[in-house]
Protein backbone atom coordinates (compact mmCIF):
# COMPACT_ATOMS: atom_id res chain seq x y z
CA MET A 1 -15.04 -12.57 6.54
CA LYS A 2 -14.61 -14.52 3.32
CA ASP A 3 -17.38 -16.98 4.26
CA LYS A 4 -19.88 -14.25 5.09
CA LYS A 5 -22.29 -13.53 2.29
CA MET A 6 -23.46 -10.07 1.41
CA ILE A 7 -25.53 -8.68 -1.45
CA LEU A 8 -24.32 -5.64 -3.35
CA LYS A 9 -26.36 -3.43 -5.67
CA GLU A 10 -24.95 -0.44 -7.53
CA ARG A 11 -26.90 2.30 -9.30
CA VAL A 12 -25.61 5.34 -11.13
CA THR A 13 -27.66 8.41 -10.19
CA GLU A 14 -27.41 12.14 -10.77
CA GLN A 15 -25.66 12.33 -7.38
CA GLY A 16 -23.11 9.65 -8.34
CA LEU A 17 -22.74 5.99 -7.43
CA PHE A 18 -25.45 4.74 -5.06
CA VAL A 19 -24.58 1.48 -3.29
CA SER A 20 -26.96 -0.77 -1.38
CA LEU A 21 -25.38 -3.49 0.73
CA CYS A 22 -27.01 -6.05 3.00
CA ASP A 23 -26.45 -9.45 4.56
CA VAL A 24 -27.93 -12.32 2.52
CA GLU A 25 -29.94 -13.83 5.36
CA ILE A 26 -32.00 -10.68 6.08
CA MET A 27 -33.38 -10.24 2.55
CA GLY A 28 -37.16 -9.82 2.71
CA MET A 29 -37.25 -9.31 6.48
CA THR A 30 -38.79 -6.37 8.36
CA PHE A 31 -37.27 -4.92 11.52
CA LYS A 32 -39.00 -2.52 13.94
CA LYS A 33 -38.03 -0.31 16.84
CA GLY A 34 -40.71 1.98 18.18
CA ASP A 35 -42.17 3.95 15.28
CA VAL A 36 -39.26 3.08 12.97
CA SER A 37 -39.59 0.19 10.54
CA LEU A 38 -37.05 -1.09 8.01
CA THR A 39 -37.89 -3.69 5.36
CA VAL A 40 -35.00 -5.18 3.42
CA THR A 41 -36.81 -5.32 0.07
CA GLU A 42 -35.59 -7.07 -3.06
CA SER A 43 -36.50 -4.02 -5.14
CA PHE A 44 -34.03 -1.88 -3.17
CA TYR A 45 -31.31 -4.30 -2.06
CA LEU A 46 -31.31 -7.27 -4.41
CA GLY A 47 -28.22 -7.25 -6.56
CA GLU A 48 -25.51 -9.91 -6.63
CA GLU A 49 -23.69 -11.78 -3.93
CA ALA A 50 -20.26 -10.18 -3.87
CA ASP A 51 -16.91 -11.00 -2.35
CA GLU A 52 -15.31 -8.73 0.20
CA GLU A 53 -12.86 -7.11 -2.23
CA THR A 54 -15.64 -6.21 -4.69
CA ILE A 55 -17.69 -4.74 -1.85
CA LYS A 56 -14.75 -2.71 -0.55
CA GLU A 57 -14.08 -1.26 -3.99
CA SER A 58 -17.74 -0.38 -4.43
CA LEU A 59 -17.96 1.35 -1.04
CA ARG A 60 -14.74 3.31 -1.73
CA ASN A 61 -16.28 4.60 -4.98
CA ALA A 62 -19.77 5.25 -3.55
CA ASN A 63 -21.18 8.75 -3.24
CA ILE A 64 -24.18 7.40 -1.34
CA ALA A 65 -24.50 4.09 0.50
CA ASN A 66 -27.24 2.31 2.38
CA ILE A 67 -25.87 -0.55 4.50
CA THR A 68 -27.93 -3.06 6.50
CA GLY A 69 -26.98 -6.15 8.48
CA ASP A 70 -24.34 -7.01 11.05
CA LYS A 71 -21.72 -8.34 8.59
CA SER A 72 -22.18 -5.50 6.12
CA ILE A 73 -22.00 -2.85 8.85
CA ARG A 74 -18.90 -4.42 10.43
CA LEU A 75 -17.10 -4.40 7.07
CA ALA A 76 -17.96 -0.72 6.50
CA ILE A 77 -16.73 0.14 10.02
CA GLU A 78 -13.48 -1.80 9.49
CA MET A 79 -12.95 0.17 6.26
CA GLY A 80 -13.55 3.48 8.04
CA MET A 81 -16.52 4.28 5.80
CA ILE A 82 -18.87 4.71 8.76
CA SER A 83 -18.35 5.24 12.49
CA GLU A 84 -19.82 2.85 15.02
CA GLU A 85 -21.53 5.72 16.85
CA ASN A 86 -23.50 6.53 13.67
CA VAL A 87 -24.97 3.04 13.31
CA LEU A 88 -28.66 2.63 14.10
CA GLU A 89 -30.08 -0.48 15.70
CA ILE A 90 -33.56 -1.14 14.35
CA GLY A 91 -34.96 -4.19 16.09
CA GLU A 92 -32.33 -6.90 15.69
CA VAL A 93 -30.55 -5.34 12.70
CA LEU A 94 -27.84 -2.71 12.28
CA HIS A 95 -28.30 0.02 9.67
CA ALA A 96 -26.28 3.00 8.45
CA GLN A 97 -26.12 5.38 5.52
CA PHE A 98 -23.47 7.71 4.24
CA VAL A 99 -23.31 10.51 1.73
CA ARG A 100 -20.01 11.77 0.36
CA LEU A 101 -20.25 15.39 -0.75
């Protein structure tokens, strides 16, 4: 997955580390399925392009994560951070969230 580009954004909140992760190519796009709509906004997702090791470290330390895009979701599944059965398909994009209590 080294050639696959993803964007990582970290924020420190009262609940701990909040990570947003998405695939580069979906930035700014909107996906819809029925009444559900998801827009991959720069204000929420835009951080820095990150390599796989940086992303893995960030997800391991995250208390809350919001993950969107096929590559980003597949990496989180491979790491065991999310389960495939908990991934939503909104239009043509995969999306998942997790909260570590």
